Each structure stands twice: as structure tokens, then as C-alpha cells.
PDB file of N, CA and C in Angstrom:
ATOM      1  N   MET A   1       0.828  -1.197   0.000  1.00  0.00           N
ATOM      2  CA  MET A   1       0.000   0.000   0.000  1.00  0.00           C
ATOM      3  C   MET A   1       0.868   1.255   0.000  1.00  0.00           C
ATOM      4  N   ALA A   2       0.407   2.256  -0.720  1.00  0.00           N
ATOM      5  CA  ALA A   2       1.131   3.523  -0.772  1.00  0.00           C
ATOM      6  C   ALA A   2       0.890   4.320   0.502  1.00  0.00           C
ATOM      7  N   ALA A   3       1.854   5.154   0.837  1.00  0.00           N
ATOM      8  CA  ALA A   3       1.729   6.013   2.020  1.00  0.00           C
ATOM      9  C   ALA A   3       0.761   7.157   1.723  1.00  0.00           C
ATOM     10  N   THR A   4       0.270   7.785   2.794  1.00  0.00           N
ATOM     11  CA  THR A   4      -0.574   8.960   2.599  1.00  0.00           C
ATOM     12  C   THR A   4       0.279  10.113   2.117  1.00  0.00           C
ATOM     13  N   LYS A   5      -0.339  11.026   1.377  1.00  0.00           N
ATOM     14  CA  LYS A   5       0.384  12.161   0.821  1.00  0.00           C
ATOM     15  C   LYS A   5      -0.478  13.409   0.941  1.00  0.00           C
ATOM     16  N   PHE A   6       0.096  14.488   1.482  1.00  0.00           N
ATOM     17  CA  PHE A   6      -0.594  15.767   1.580  1.00  0.00           C
ATOM     18  C   PHE A   6      -0.053  16.696   0.504  1.00  0.00           C
ATOM     19  N   THR A   7      -0.934  17.265  -0.307  1.00  0.00           N
ATOM     20  CA  THR A   7      -0.557  18.199  -1.362  1.00  0.00           C
ATOM     21  C   THR A   7      -1.077  19.583  -0.986  1.00  0.00           C
ATOM     22  N   VAL A   8      -0.162  20.523  -0.804  1.00  0.00           N
ATOM     23  CA  VAL A   8      -0.521  21.887  -0.413  1.00  0.00           C
ATOM     24  C   VAL A   8      -1.017  22.649  -1.637  1.00  0.00           C
ATOM     25  N   LYS A   9      -2.171  23.285  -1.470  1.00  0.00           N
ATOM     26  CA  LYS A   9      -2.718  24.139  -2.524  1.00  0.00           C
ATOM     27  C   LYS A   9      -2.599  25.621  -2.164  1.00  0.00           C
ATOM     28  N   GLN A  10      -2.600  25.917  -0.883  1.00  0.00           N
ATOM     29  CA  GLN A  10      -2.501  27.304  -0.419  1.00  0.00           C
ATOM     30  C   GLN A  10      -1.870  27.296   0.967  1.00  0.00           C
ATOM     31  N   LYS A  11      -0.997  28.281   1.233  1.00  0.00           N
ATOM     32  CA  LYS A  11      -0.442  28.392   2.584  1.00  0.00           C
ATOM     33  C   LYS A  11      -0.246  29.852   2.958  1.00  0.00           C
ATOM     34  N   TRP A  12      -0.370  30.078   4.258  1.00  0.00           N
ATOM     35  CA  TRP A  12      -0.237  31.417   4.827  1.00  0.00           C
ATOM     36  C   TRP A  12       0.632  31.356   6.076  1.00  0.00           C
ATOM     37  N   VAL A  13       1.221  32.506   6.406  1.00  0.00           N
ATOM     38  CA  VAL A  13       1.776  32.749   7.731  1.00  0.00           C
ATOM     39  C   VAL A  13       0.827  33.757   8.340  1.00  0.00           C
ATOM     40  N   GLY A  14       0.358  33.480   9.549  1.00  0.00           N
ATOM     41  CA  GLY A  14      -0.596  34.369  10.176  1.00  0.00           C
ATOM     42  C   GLY A  14      -0.162  34.767  11.570  1.00  0.00           C
ATOM     43  N   TYR A  15      -0.808  35.789  12.092  1.00  0.00           N
ATOM     44  CA  TYR A  15      -0.616  36.141  13.494  1.00  0.00           C
ATOM     45  C   TYR A  15      -1.967  36.487  14.098  1.00  0.00           C
ATOM     46  N   VAL A  16      -2.124  36.085  15.335  1.00  0.00           N
ATOM     47  CA  VAL A  16      -3.390  36.232  16.042  1.00  0.00           C
ATOM     48  C   VAL A  16      -3.579  37.689  16.442  1.00  0.00           C
ATOM     49  N   THR A  17      -4.755  38.236  16.131  1.00  0.00           N
ATOM     50  CA  THR A  17      -5.043  39.617  16.524  1.00  0.00           C
ATOM     51  C   THR A  17      -5.984  39.681  17.724  1.00  0.00           C
ATOM     52  N   SER A  18      -6.884  38.713  17.848  1.00  0.00           N
ATOM     53  CA  SER A  18      -7.771  38.666  19.017  1.00  0.00           C
ATOM     54  C   SER A  18      -8.372  37.273  19.135  1.00  0.00           C
ATOM     55  N   ILE A  19      -8.885  36.978  20.335  1.00  0.00           N
ATOM     56  CA  ILE A  19      -9.454  35.663  20.612  1.00  0.00           C
ATOM     57  C   ILE A  19     -10.853  35.852  21.187  1.00  0.00           C
ATOM     58  N   GLU A  20     -11.810  35.127  20.652  1.00  0.00           N
ATOM     59  CA  GLU A  20     -13.190  35.152  21.122  1.00  0.00           C
ATOM     60  C   GLU A  20     -13.497  33.805  21.792  1.00  0.00           C
ATOM     61  N   GLU A  21     -14.745  33.598  22.141  1.00  0.00           N
ATOM     62  CA  GLU A  21     -15.142  32.370  22.825  1.00  0.00           C
ATOM     63  C   GLU A  21     -14.954  31.122  21.960  1.00  0.00           C
ATOM     64  N   GLU A  22     -15.310  31.208  20.668  1.00  0.00           N
ATOM     65  CA  GLU A  22     -15.228  30.041  19.789  1.00  0.00           C
ATOM     66  C   GLU A  22     -14.291  30.231  18.609  1.00  0.00           C
ATOM     67  N   THR A  23     -13.809  31.443  18.394  1.00  0.00           N
ATOM     68  CA  THR A  23     -12.955  31.731  17.244  1.00  0.00           C
ATOM     69  C   THR A  23     -11.779  32.611  17.656  1.00  0.00           C
ATOM     70  N   PHE A  24     -10.812  32.713  16.751  1.00  0.00           N
ATOM     71  CA  PHE A  24      -9.788  33.742  16.895  1.00  0.00           C
ATOM     72  C   PHE A  24      -9.682  34.470  15.568  1.00  0.00           C
ATOM     73  N   HIS A  25      -9.256  35.713  15.628  1.00  0.00           N
ATOM     74  CA  HIS A  25      -9.104  36.551  14.449  1.00  0.00           C
ATOM     75  C   HIS A  25      -7.614  36.652  14.148  1.00  0.00           C
ATOM     76  N   ALA A  26      -7.299  36.667  12.846  1.00  0.00           N
ATOM     77  CA  ALA A  26      -5.894  36.684  12.453  1.00  0.00           C
ATOM     78  C   ALA A  26      -5.687  37.492  11.184  1.00  0.00           C
ATOM     79  N   ARG A  27      -4.478  38.000  11.034  1.00  0.00           N
ATOM     80  CA  ARG A  27      -4.001  38.599   9.782  1.00  0.00           C
ATOM     81  C   ARG A  27      -3.152  37.527   9.118  1.00  0.00           C
ATOM     82  N   LEU A  28      -3.323  37.367   7.813  1.00  0.00           N
ATOM     83  CA  LEU A  28      -2.641  36.307   7.069  1.00  0.00           C
ATOM     84  C   LEU A  28      -1.810  36.903   5.942  1.00  0.00           C
ATOM     85  N   LEU A  29      -0.611  36.360   5.763  1.00  0.00           N
ATOM     86  CA  LEU A  29       0.250  36.735   4.648  1.00  0.00           C
ATOM     87  C   LEU A  29       0.340  35.544   3.707  1.00  0.00           C
ATOM     88  N   ASP A  30      -0.135  35.718   2.488  1.00  0.00           N
ATOM     89  CA  ASP A  30      -0.183  34.659   1.489  1.00  0.00           C
ATOM     90  C   ASP A  30       1.231  34.225   1.109  1.00  0.00           C
ATOM     91  N   GLN A  31       1.544  32.957   1.313  1.00  0.00           N
ATOM     92  CA  GLN A  31       2.870  32.431   0.988  1.00  0.00           C
ATOM     93  C   GLN A  31       2.887  31.682  -0.337  1.00  0.00           C
ATOM     94  N   THR A  32       1.712  31.452  -0.919  1.00  0.00           N
ATOM     95  CA  THR A  32       1.634  30.705  -2.173  1.00  0.00           C
ATOM     96  C   THR A  32       1.837  31.621  -3.368  1.00  0.00           C
ATOM     97  N   THR A  33       1.080  32.698  -3.417  1.00  0.00           N
ATOM     98  CA  THR A  33       1.168  33.620  -4.550  1.00  0.00           C
ATOM     99  C   THR A  33       1.788  34.950  -4.152  1.00  0.00           C
ATOM    100  N   HIS A  34       2.191  35.051  -2.881  1.00  0.00           N
ATOM    101  CA  HIS A  34       2.756  36.298  -2.350  1.00  0.00           C
ATOM    102  C   HIS A  34       1.800  37.455  -2.613  1.00  0.00           C
ATOM    103  N   GLY A  35       0.513  37.170  -2.418  1.00  0.00           N
ATOM    104  CA  GLY A  35      -0.543  38.153  -2.635  1.00  0.00           C
ATOM    105  C   GLY A  35      -0.689  39.097  -1.471  1.00  0.00           C
ATOM    106  N   ARG A  36      -1.838  39.694  -1.407  1.00  0.00           N
ATOM    107  CA  ARG A  36      -2.091  40.716  -0.391  1.00  0.00           C
ATOM    108  C   ARG A  36      -2.337  40.096   0.983  1.00  0.00           C
ATOM    109  N   GLU A  37      -2.262  40.958   1.983  1.00  0.00           N
ATOM    110  CA  GLU A  37      -2.559  40.537   3.346  1.00  0.00           C
ATOM    111  C   GLU A  37      -4.069  40.332   3.473  1.00  0.00           C
ATOM    112  N   GLU A  38      -4.453  39.301   4.217  1.00  0.00           N
ATOM    113  CA  GLU A  38      -5.866  38.975   4.379  1.00  0.00           C
ATOM    114  C   GLU A  38      -6.204  38.875   5.858  1.00  0.00           C
ATOM    115  N   GLU A  39      -7.485  38.814   6.164  1.00  0.00           N
ATOM    116  CA  GLU A  39      -7.952  38.606   7.528  1.00  0.00           C
ATOM    117  C   GLU A  39      -8.818  37.364   7.552  1.00  0.00           C
ATOM    118  N   ALA A  40      -8.832  36.679   8.701  1.00  0.00           N
ATOM    119  CA  ALA A  40      -9.642  35.467   8.823  1.00  0.00           C
ATOM    120  C   ALA A  40     -10.154  35.315  10.242  1.00  0.00           C
ATOM    121  N   ASN A  41     -11.297  34.683  10.370  1.00  0.00           N
ATOM    122  CA  ASN A  41     -11.842  34.221  11.645  1.00  0.00           C
ATOM    123  C   ASN A  41     -11.760  32.708  11.593  1.00  0.00           C
ATOM    124  N   ILE A  42     -11.069  32.113  12.553  1.00  0.00           N
ATOM    125  CA  ILE A  42     -10.818  30.672  12.538  1.00  0.00           C
ATOM    126  C   ILE A  42     -11.380  30.069  13.811  1.00  0.00           C
ATOM    127  N   TYR A  43     -12.116  28.969  13.661  1.00  0.00           N
ATOM    128  CA  TYR A  43     -12.679  28.296  14.825  1.00  0.00           C
ATOM    129  C   TYR A  43     -11.559  27.686  15.672  1.00  0.00           C
ATOM    130  N   LEU A  44     -11.684  27.829  16.988  1.00  0.00           N
ATOM    131  CA  LEU A  44     -10.691  27.269  17.910  1.00  0.00           C
ATOM    132  C   LEU A  44     -10.564  25.755  17.764  1.00  0.00           C
ATOM    133  N   GLN A  45     -11.644  25.088  17.364  1.00  0.00           N
ATOM    134  CA  GLN A  45     -11.598  23.638  17.214  1.00  0.00           C
ATOM    135  C   GLN A  45     -10.672  23.197  16.080  1.00  0.00           C
ATOM    136  N   GLU A  46     -10.240  24.146  15.234  1.00  0.00           N
ATOM    137  CA  GLU A  46      -9.287  23.837  14.164  1.00  0.00           C
ATOM    138  C   GLU A  46      -7.848  23.713  14.684  1.00  0.00           C
ATOM    139  N   ILE A  47      -7.612  24.177  15.901  1.00  0.00           N
ATOM    140  CA  ILE A  47      -6.265  24.197  16.472  1.00  0.00           C
ATOM    141  C   ILE A  47      -5.965  22.859  17.136  1.00  0.00           C
ATOM    142  N   PRO A  48      -4.815  22.247  16.812  1.00  0.00           N
ATOM    143  CA  PRO A  48      -4.441  21.013  17.512  1.00  0.00           C
ATOM    144  C   PRO A  48      -4.350  21.261  19.022  1.00  0.00           C
ATOM    145  N   GLU A  49      -4.747  20.278  19.787  1.00  0.00           N
ATOM    146  CA  GLU A  49      -4.793  20.433  21.243  1.00  0.00           C
ATOM    147  C   GLU A  49      -3.447  20.878  21.817  1.00  0.00           C
ATOM    148  N   GLU A  50      -2.344  20.342  21.293  1.00  0.00           N
ATOM    149  CA  GLU A  50      -1.027  20.702  21.827  1.00  0.00           C
ATOM    150  C   GLU A  50      -0.631  22.143  21.504  1.00  0.00           C
ATOM    151  N   ASP A  51      -1.358  22.796  20.592  1.00  0.00           N
ATOM    152  CA  ASP A  51      -1.064  24.185  20.244  1.00  0.00           C
ATOM    153  C   ASP A  51      -1.944  25.193  20.979  1.00  0.00           C
ATOM    154  N   LEU A  52      -2.984  24.740  21.650  1.00  0.00           N
ATOM    155  CA  LEU A  52      -3.916  25.671  22.289  1.00  0.00           C
ATOM    156  C   LEU A  52      -3.239  26.581  23.306  1.00  0.00           C
ATOM    157  N   LEU A  53      -2.224  26.088  24.015  1.00  0.00           N
ATOM    158  CA  LEU A  53      -1.521  26.931  24.989  1.00  0.00           C
ATOM    159  C   LEU A  53      -0.696  28.025  24.307  1.00  0.00           C
ATOM    160  N   LEU A  54      -0.424  27.865  23.022  1.00  0.00           N
ATOM    161  CA  LEU A  54       0.347  28.859  22.279  1.00  0.00           C
ATOM    162  C   LEU A  54      -0.535  29.954  21.688  1.00  0.00           C
ATOM    163  N   LEU A  55      -1.851  29.752  21.743  1.00  0.00           N
ATOM    164  CA  LEU A  55      -2.799  30.693  21.156  1.00  0.00           C
ATOM    165  C   LEU A  55      -2.945  31.920  22.048  1.00  0.00           C
ATOM    166  N   LYS A  56      -2.430  33.053  21.566  1.00  0.00           N
ATOM    167  CA  LYS A  56      -2.544  34.327  22.270  1.00  0.00           C
ATOM    168  C   LYS A  56      -2.327  35.443  21.254  1.00  0.00           C
ATOM    169  N   PRO A  57      -2.814  36.640  21.531  1.00  0.00           N
ATOM    170  CA  PRO A  57      -2.600  37.742  20.583  1.00  0.00           C
ATOM    171  C   PRO A  57      -1.105  37.917  20.282  1.00  0.00           C
ATOM    172  N   GLY A  58      -0.799  38.047  18.998  1.00  0.00           N
ATOM    173  CA  GLY A  58       0.584  38.192  18.552  1.00  0.00           C
ATOM    174  C   GLY A  58       1.246  36.884  18.175  1.00  0.00           C
ATOM    175  N   ALA A  59       0.652  35.742  18.545  1.00  0.00           N
ATOM    176  CA  ALA A  59       1.252  34.438  18.225  1.00  0.00           C
ATOM    177  C   ALA A  59       1.272  34.227  16.708  1.00  0.00           C
ATOM    178  N   VAL A  60       2.355  33.657  16.219  1.00  0.00           N
ATOM    179  CA  VAL A  60       2.532  33.383  14.794  1.00  0.00           C
ATOM    180  C   VAL A  60       2.184  31.926  14.530  1.00  0.00           C
ATOM    181  N   PHE A  61       1.472  31.695  13.413  1.00  0.00           N
ATOM    182  CA  PHE A  61       1.117  30.324  13.050  1.00  0.00           C
ATOM    183  C   PHE A  61       1.242  30.138  11.541  1.00  0.00           C
ATOM    184  N   TYR A  62       1.239  28.880  11.130  1.00  0.00           N
ATOM    185  CA  TYR A  62       1.339  28.489   9.733  1.00  0.00           C
ATOM    186  C   TYR A  62       0.076  27.710   9.379  1.00  0.00           C
ATOM    187  N   TRP A  63      -0.575  28.095   8.296  1.00  0.00           N
ATOM    188  CA  TRP A  63      -1.831  27.465   7.896  1.00  0.00           C
ATOM    189  C   TRP A  63      -1.692  26.994   6.460  1.00  0.00           C
ATOM    190  N   SER A  64      -1.893  25.716   6.255  1.00  0.00           N
ATOM    191  CA  SER A  64      -1.846  25.124   4.917  1.00  0.00           C
ATOM    192  C   SER A  64      -3.168  24.439   4.637  1.00  0.00           C
ATOM    193  N   ILE A  65      -3.666  24.606   3.426  1.00  0.00           N
ATOM    194  CA  ILE A  65      -4.832  23.853   2.994  1.00  0.00           C
ATOM    195  C   ILE A  65      -4.471  23.105   1.720  1.00  0.00           C
ATOM    196  N   GLY A  66      -5.088  21.978   1.549  1.00  0.00           N
ATOM    197  CA  GLY A  66      -4.810  21.161   0.380  1.00  0.00           C
ATOM    198  C   GLY A  66      -5.628  19.898   0.450  1.00  0.00           C
ATOM    199  N   TYR A  67      -5.083  18.839  -0.112  1.00  0.00           N
ATOM    200  CA  TYR A  67      -5.786  17.577  -0.037  1.00  0.00           C
ATOM    201  C   TYR A  67      -4.843  16.465   0.377  1.00  0.00           C
ATOM    202  N   LEU A  68      -5.441  15.480   1.031  1.00  0.00           N
ATOM    203  CA  LEU A  68      -4.720  14.317   1.521  1.00  0.00           C
ATOM    204  C   LEU A  68      -5.197  13.108   0.746  1.00  0.00           C
ATOM    205  N   ASP A  69      -4.272  12.427   0.092  1.00  0.00           N
ATOM    206  CA  ASP A  69      -4.581  11.158  -0.570  1.00  0.00           C
ATOM    207  C   ASP A  69      -4.240  10.064   0.417  1.00  0.00           C
ATOM    208  N   ASP A  70      -5.250   9.298   0.848  1.00  0.00           N
ATOM    209  CA  ASP A  70      -4.982   8.266   1.851  1.00  0.00           C
ATOM    210  C   ASP A  70      -4.569   6.949   1.198  1.00  0.00           C
ATOM    211  N   ARG A  71      -4.266   5.977   2.019  1.00  0.00           N
ATOM    212  CA  ARG A  71      -3.760   4.683   1.545  1.00  0.00           C
ATOM    213  C   ARG A  71      -4.782   3.895   0.745  1.00  0.00           C
ATOM    214  N   ASN A  72      -6.063   4.258   0.908  1.00  0.00           N
ATOM    215  CA  ASN A  72      -7.128   3.562   0.182  1.00  0.00           C
ATOM    216  C   ASN A  72      -7.482   4.254  -1.125  1.00  0.00           C
ATOM    217  N   GLY A  73      -6.727   5.307  -1.481  1.00  0.00           N
ATOM    218  CA  GLY A  73      -6.970   6.019  -2.722  1.00  0.00           C
ATOM    219  C   GLY A  73      -8.012   7.116  -2.613  1.00  0.00           C
ATOM    220  N   GLN A  74      -8.498   7.377  -1.416  1.00  0.00           N
ATOM    221  CA  GLN A  74      -9.487   8.434  -1.215  1.00  0.00           C
ATOM    222  C   GLN A  74      -8.785   9.784  -1.057  1.00  0.00           C
ATOM    223  N   ARG A  75      -9.409  10.823  -1.556  1.00  0.00           N
ATOM    224  CA  ARG A  75      -8.874  12.183  -1.428  1.00  0.00           C
ATOM    225  C   ARG A  75      -9.755  12.966  -0.469  1.00  0.00           C
ATOM    226  N   HIS A  76      -9.110  13.641   0.511  1.00  0.00           N
ATOM    227  CA  HIS A  76      -9.808  14.421   1.522  1.00  0.00           C
ATOM    228  C   HIS A  76      -9.281  15.850   1.512  1.00  0.00           C
ATOM    229  N   ASN A  77     -10.183  16.830   1.612  1.00  0.00           N
ATOM    230  CA  ASN A  77      -9.760  18.217   1.784  1.00  0.00           C
ATOM    231  C   ASN A  77      -9.290  18.376   3.221  1.00  0.00           C
ATOM    232  N   GLU A  78      -8.148  19.007   3.415  1.00  0.00           N
ATOM    233  CA  GLU A  78      -7.559  19.147   4.749  1.00  0.00           C
ATOM    234  C   GLU A  78      -7.029  20.560   4.952  1.00  0.00           C
ATOM    235  N   GLY A  79      -7.048  20.981   6.193  1.00  0.00           N
ATOM    236  CA  GLY A  79      -6.405  22.219   6.602  1.00  0.00           C
ATOM    237  C   GLY A  79      -5.527  21.925   7.813  1.00  0.00           C
ATOM    238  N   LEU A  80      -4.301  22.401   7.785  1.00  0.00           N
ATOM    239  CA  LEU A  80      -3.352  22.155   8.879  1.00  0.00           C
ATOM    240  C   LEU A  80      -2.892  23.484   9.457  1.00  0.00           C
ATOM    241  N   ILE A  81      -3.040  23.636  10.771  1.00  0.00           N
ATOM    242  CA  ILE A  81      -2.587  24.849  11.465  1.00  0.00           C
ATOM    243  C   ILE A  81      -1.586  24.428  12.528  1.00  0.00           C
ATOM    244  N   ARG A  82      -0.408  25.051  12.500  1.00  0.00           N
ATOM    245  CA  ARG A  82       0.623  24.800  13.514  1.00  0.00           C
ATOM    246  C   ARG A  82       1.164  26.137  13.979  1.00  0.00           C
ATOM    247  N   PHE A  83       1.301  26.290  15.290  1.00  0.00           N
ATOM    248  CA  PHE A  83       1.828  27.534  15.849  1.00  0.00           C
ATOM    249  C   PHE A  83       3.344  27.459  15.968  1.00  0.00           C
ATOM    250  N   ARG A  84       3.979  28.603  15.749  1.00  0.00           N
ATOM    251  CA  ARG A  84       5.441  28.688  15.834  1.00  0.00           C
ATOM    252  C   ARG A  84       5.877  28.428  17.262  1.00  0.00           C
ATOM    253  N   ARG A  85       6.942  27.684  17.396  1.00  0.00           N
ATOM    254  CA  ARG A  85       7.453  27.326  18.704  1.00  0.00           C
ATOM    255  C   ARG A  85       8.782  28.000  19.025  1.00  0.00           C
ATOM    256  N   LEU A  86       9.209  28.906  18.181  1.00  0.00           N
ATOM    257  CA  LEU A  86      10.441  29.642  18.457  1.00  0.00           C
ATOM    258  C   LEU A  86      10.216  30.572  19.631  1.00  0.00           C
ATOM    259  N   PRO A  87      11.238  30.838  20.388  1.00  0.00           N
ATOM    260  CA  PRO A  87      11.053  31.756  21.520  1.00  0.00           C
ATOM    261  C   PRO A  87      10.760  33.166  21.020  1.00  0.00           C
ATOM    262  N   THR A  88       9.965  33.875  21.778  1.00  0.00           N
ATOM    263  CA  THR A  88       9.742  35.279  21.471  1.00  0.00           C
ATOM    264  C   THR A  88      10.630  36.099  22.398  1.00  0.00           C
ATOM    265  N   PHE A  89      11.059  37.229  21.914  1.00  0.00           N
ATOM    266  CA  PHE A  89      11.952  38.069  22.682  1.00  0.00           C
ATOM    267  C   PHE A  89      11.206  39.290  23.185  1.00  0.00           C
ATOM    268  N   SER A  90      11.433  39.611  24.435  1.00  0.00           N
ATOM    269  CA  SER A  90      10.809  40.804  25.011  1.00  0.00           C
ATOM    270  C   SER A  90      11.578  42.038  24.543  1.00  0.00           C
ATOM    271  N   ARG A  91      10.976  43.186  24.734  1.00  0.00           N
ATOM    272  CA  ARG A  91      11.644  44.445  24.390  1.00  0.00           C
ATOM    273  C   ARG A  91      12.962  44.552  25.171  1.00  0.00           C
ATOM    274  N   LYS A  92      12.953  44.106  26.443  1.00  0.00           N
ATOM    275  CA  LYS A  92      14.161  44.157  27.265  1.00  0.00           C
ATOM    276  C   LYS A  92      15.259  43.262  26.683  1.00  0.00           C
ATOM    277  N   ASP A  93      14.885  42.057  26.190  1.00  0.00           N
ATOM    278  CA  ASP A  93      15.859  41.168  25.551  1.00  0.00           C
ATOM    279  C   ASP A  93      16.488  41.838  24.334  1.00  0.00           C
ATOM    280  N   ILE A  94      15.664  42.493  23.531  1.00  0.00           N
ATOM    281  CA  ILE A  94      16.157  43.151  22.313  1.00  0.00           C
ATOM    282  C   ILE A  94      17.056  44.329  22.669  1.00  0.00           C
ATOM    283  N   GLU A  95      16.665  45.104  23.663  1.00  0.00           N
ATOM    284  CA  GLU A  95      17.498  46.237  24.104  1.00  0.00           C
ATOM    285  C   GLU A  95      18.845  45.739  24.614  1.00  0.00           C
ATOM    286  N   ARG A  96      18.838  44.640  25.380  1.00  0.00           N
ATOM    287  CA  ARG A  96      20.079  44.063  25.893  1.00  0.00           C
ATOM    288  C   ARG A  96      20.976  43.605  24.743  1.00  0.00           C
ATOM    289  N   ALA A  97      20.396  42.952  23.725  1.00  0.00           N
ATOM    290  CA  ALA A  97      21.177  42.493  22.568  1.00  0.00           C
ATOM    291  C   ALA A  97      21.745  43.678  21.794  1.00  0.00           C
ATOM    292  N   ASN A  98      20.935  44.742  21.623  1.00  0.00           N
ATOM    293  CA  ASN A  98      21.429  45.937  20.934  1.00  0.00           C
ATOM    294  C   ASN A  98      22.565  46.594  21.707  1.00  0.00           C
ATOM    295  N   HIS A  99      22.469  46.608  23.032  1.00  0.00           N
ATOM    296  CA  HIS A  99      23.524  47.178  23.869  1.00  0.00           C
ATOM    297  C   HIS A  99      24.823  46.375  23.708  1.00  0.00           C
ATOM    298  N   GLU A 100      24.716  45.064  23.730  1.00  0.00           N
ATOM    299  CA  GLU A 100      25.904  44.211  23.550  1.00  0.00           C
ATOM    300  C   GLU A 100      26.506  44.409  22.163  1.00  0.00           C
ATOM    301  N   ALA A 101      25.656  44.529  21.147  1.00  0.00           N
ATOM    302  CA  ALA A 101      26.145  44.755  19.782  1.00  0.00           C
ATOM    303  C   ALA A 101      26.879  46.090  19.683  1.00  0.00           C
ATOM    304  N   GLU A 102      26.355  47.092  20.363  1.00  0.00           N
ATOM    305  CA  GLU A 102      26.998  48.409  20.358  1.00  0.00           C
ATOM    306  C   GLU A 102      28.378  48.331  21.022  1.00  0.00           C
ATOM    307  N   LYS A 103      28.483  47.601  22.124  1.00  0.00           N
ATOM    308  CA  LYS A 103      29.788  47.438  22.787  1.00  0.00           C
ATOM    309  C   LYS A 103      30.789  46.752  21.862  1.00  0.00           C
ATOM    310  N   ILE A 104      30.340  45.754  21.132  1.00  0.00           N
ATOM    311  CA  ILE A 104      31.226  45.041  20.190  1.00  0.00           C
ATOM    312  C   ILE A 104      31.641  45.972  19.059  1.00  0.00           C
ATOM    313  N   ARG A 105      30.674  46.746  18.522  1.00  0.00           N
ATOM    314  CA  ARG A 105      30.987  47.689  17.441  1.00  0.00           C
ATOM    315  C   ARG A 105      32.061  48.676  17.889  1.00  0.00           C
ATOM    316  N   GLN A 106      31.915  49.194  19.105  1.00  0.00           N
ATOM    317  CA  GLN A 106      32.886  50.152  19.621  1.00  0.00           C
ATOM    318  C   GLN A 106      34.235  49.487  19.874  1.00  0.00           C
ATOM    319  N   ALA A 107      34.236  48.247  20.362  1.00  0.00           N
ATOM    320  CA  ALA A 107      35.483  47.530  20.623  1.00  0.00           C
ATOM    321  C   ALA A 107      36.296  47.344  19.345  1.00  0.00           C
ATOM    322  N   PHE A 108      35.610  47.160  18.210  1.00  0.00           N
ATOM    323  CA  PHE A 108      36.307  46.982  16.938  1.00  0.00           C
ATOM    324  C   PHE A 108      36.573  48.309  16.234  1.00  0.00           C
ATOM    325  N   GLY A 109      36.065  49.391  16.801  1.00  0.00           N
ATOM    326  CA  GLY A 109      36.291  50.698  16.204  1.00  0.00           C
ATOM    327  C   GLY A 109      35.459  50.937  14.951  1.00  0.00           C
ATOM    328  N   TRP A 110      34.388  50.198  14.814  1.00  0.00           N
ATOM    329  CA  TRP A 110      33.522  50.380  13.654  1.00  0.00           C
ATOM    330  C   TRP A 110      32.670  51.620  13.840  1.00  0.00           C
ATOM    331  N   HIS A 111      32.358  52.264  12.727  1.00  0.00           N
ATOM    332  CA  HIS A 111      31.484  53.431  12.746  1.00  0.00           C
ATOM    333  C   HIS A 111      30.145  53.046  12.135  1.00  0.00           C
ATOM    334  N   GLU A 112      29.106  53.821  12.466  1.00  0.00           N
ATOM    335  CA  GLU A 112      27.766  53.551  11.916  1.00  0.00           C
ATOM    336  C   GLU A 112      27.812  53.427  10.405  1.00  0.00           C
ATOM    337  N   SER A 113      28.602  54.257   9.736  1.00  0.00           N
ATOM    338  CA  SER A 113      28.659  54.242   8.273  1.00  0.00           C
ATOM    339  C   SER A 113      29.302  52.959   7.730  1.00  0.00           C
ATOM    340  N   ASP A 114      30.019  52.209   8.577  1.00  0.00           N
ATOM    341  CA  ASP A 114      30.650  50.965   8.147  1.00  0.00           C
ATOM    342  C   ASP A 114      29.672  49.791   8.143  1.00  0.00           C
ATOM    343  N   LEU A 115      28.532  49.966   8.806  1.00  0.00           N
ATOM    344  CA  LEU A 115      27.587  48.871   8.974  1.00  0.00           C
ATOM    345  C   LEU A 115      26.741  48.673   7.729  1.00  0.00           C
ATOM    346  N   PRO A 116      26.320  47.433   7.467  1.00  0.00           N
ATOM    347  CA  PRO A 116      25.417  47.207   6.331  1.00  0.00           C
ATOM    348  C   PRO A 116      24.067  47.848   6.616  1.00  0.00           C
ATOM    349  N   ILE A 117      23.324  48.110   5.578  1.00  0.00           N
ATOM    350  CA  ILE A 117      22.001  48.702   5.737  1.00  0.00           C
ATOM    351  C   ILE A 117      21.062  47.642   6.305  1.00  0.00           C
ATOM    352  N   THR A 118      20.342  47.999   7.368  1.00  0.00           N
ATOM    353  CA  THR A 118      19.344  47.119   7.975  1.00  0.00           C
ATOM    354  C   THR A 118      18.066  47.922   8.186  1.00  0.00           C
ATOM    355  N   THR A 119      17.046  47.248   8.653  1.00  0.00           N
ATOM    356  CA  THR A 119      15.788  47.961   8.897  1.00  0.00           C
ATOM    357  C   THR A 119      15.922  48.940  10.047  1.00  0.00           C
ATOM    358  N   THR A 120      16.937  48.745  10.930  1.00  0.00           N
ATOM    359  CA  THR A 120      17.072  49.654  12.063  1.00  0.00           C
ATOM    360  C   THR A 120      17.851  50.906  11.713  1.00  0.00           C
ATOM    361  N   ASN A 121      18.596  50.911  10.602  1.00  0.00           N
ATOM    362  CA  ASN A 121      19.348  52.116  10.274  1.00  0.00           C
ATOM    363  C   ASN A 121      18.983  52.670   8.897  1.00  0.00           C
ATOM    364  N   LEU A 122      17.771  52.399   8.431  1.00  0.00           N
ATOM    365  CA  LEU A 122      17.306  52.996   7.181  1.00  0.00           C
ATOM    366  C   LEU A 122      16.821  54.405   7.382  1.00  0.00           C
TER     367      LEU A 122
END
């Protein structure tokens, strides 16, 4: 028998904007066609149980829809939502990292003009 296969037809990266009793609201960035930003209301029951503790405003998640071909040859429409598990950094963590970077820059005698262009110095 052949293994099951999931074929992605559309995928987004989203972030939670608010949570209601049965749904959460999110902003979505289209990763398939790199289209415009979208909004969605998603039922909480769509979230895997192990991800429910990660559901909070600002949380980043990945949403894929497509179809699953099972071992019996049947095709099922499926949607998969997984929340990002990378650590989030507080403003204090970022300030501390910027302070350390500044100390290193000064230790090497680098000047602001020597640094590559980044979003922080545009």
C-alpha cells in the first residue's frame, strides 16, 4: 500500500489579533502567490490540542490547505494549522542584545557608516 500524501494548494503565515469564545481573528500573509494581506476568523476547534496553549494575541502560526490522498486512494480536503514554537523576545531582551552589539561595534572601532544597511538604520 502507498503512504498517505498531503498536497498543499494554499499556505499562509498568520498572526493572532484577538481571541473570542469560539474563534480567533488573524491577519494572514499569502505564501503561495505572495498576494495581499488577508484577515480570517478561525474556529478554535481547528487548532491542535497541543497548540492551544500557544494561542494568544501576537502568536505566529502556519496554515496550509490542500488535499490528503490516503492509503485507500481516497482524497480528503484538509487544513493544517501549527503555531510557531520559536522563543519570542521581550523588548528588554532586544534592548540588551542591541547594547551588547553596540559594545562590540565600539570595541572593533567600527562606525555607523561601516555597517550594512538594515531595517534599524534605514
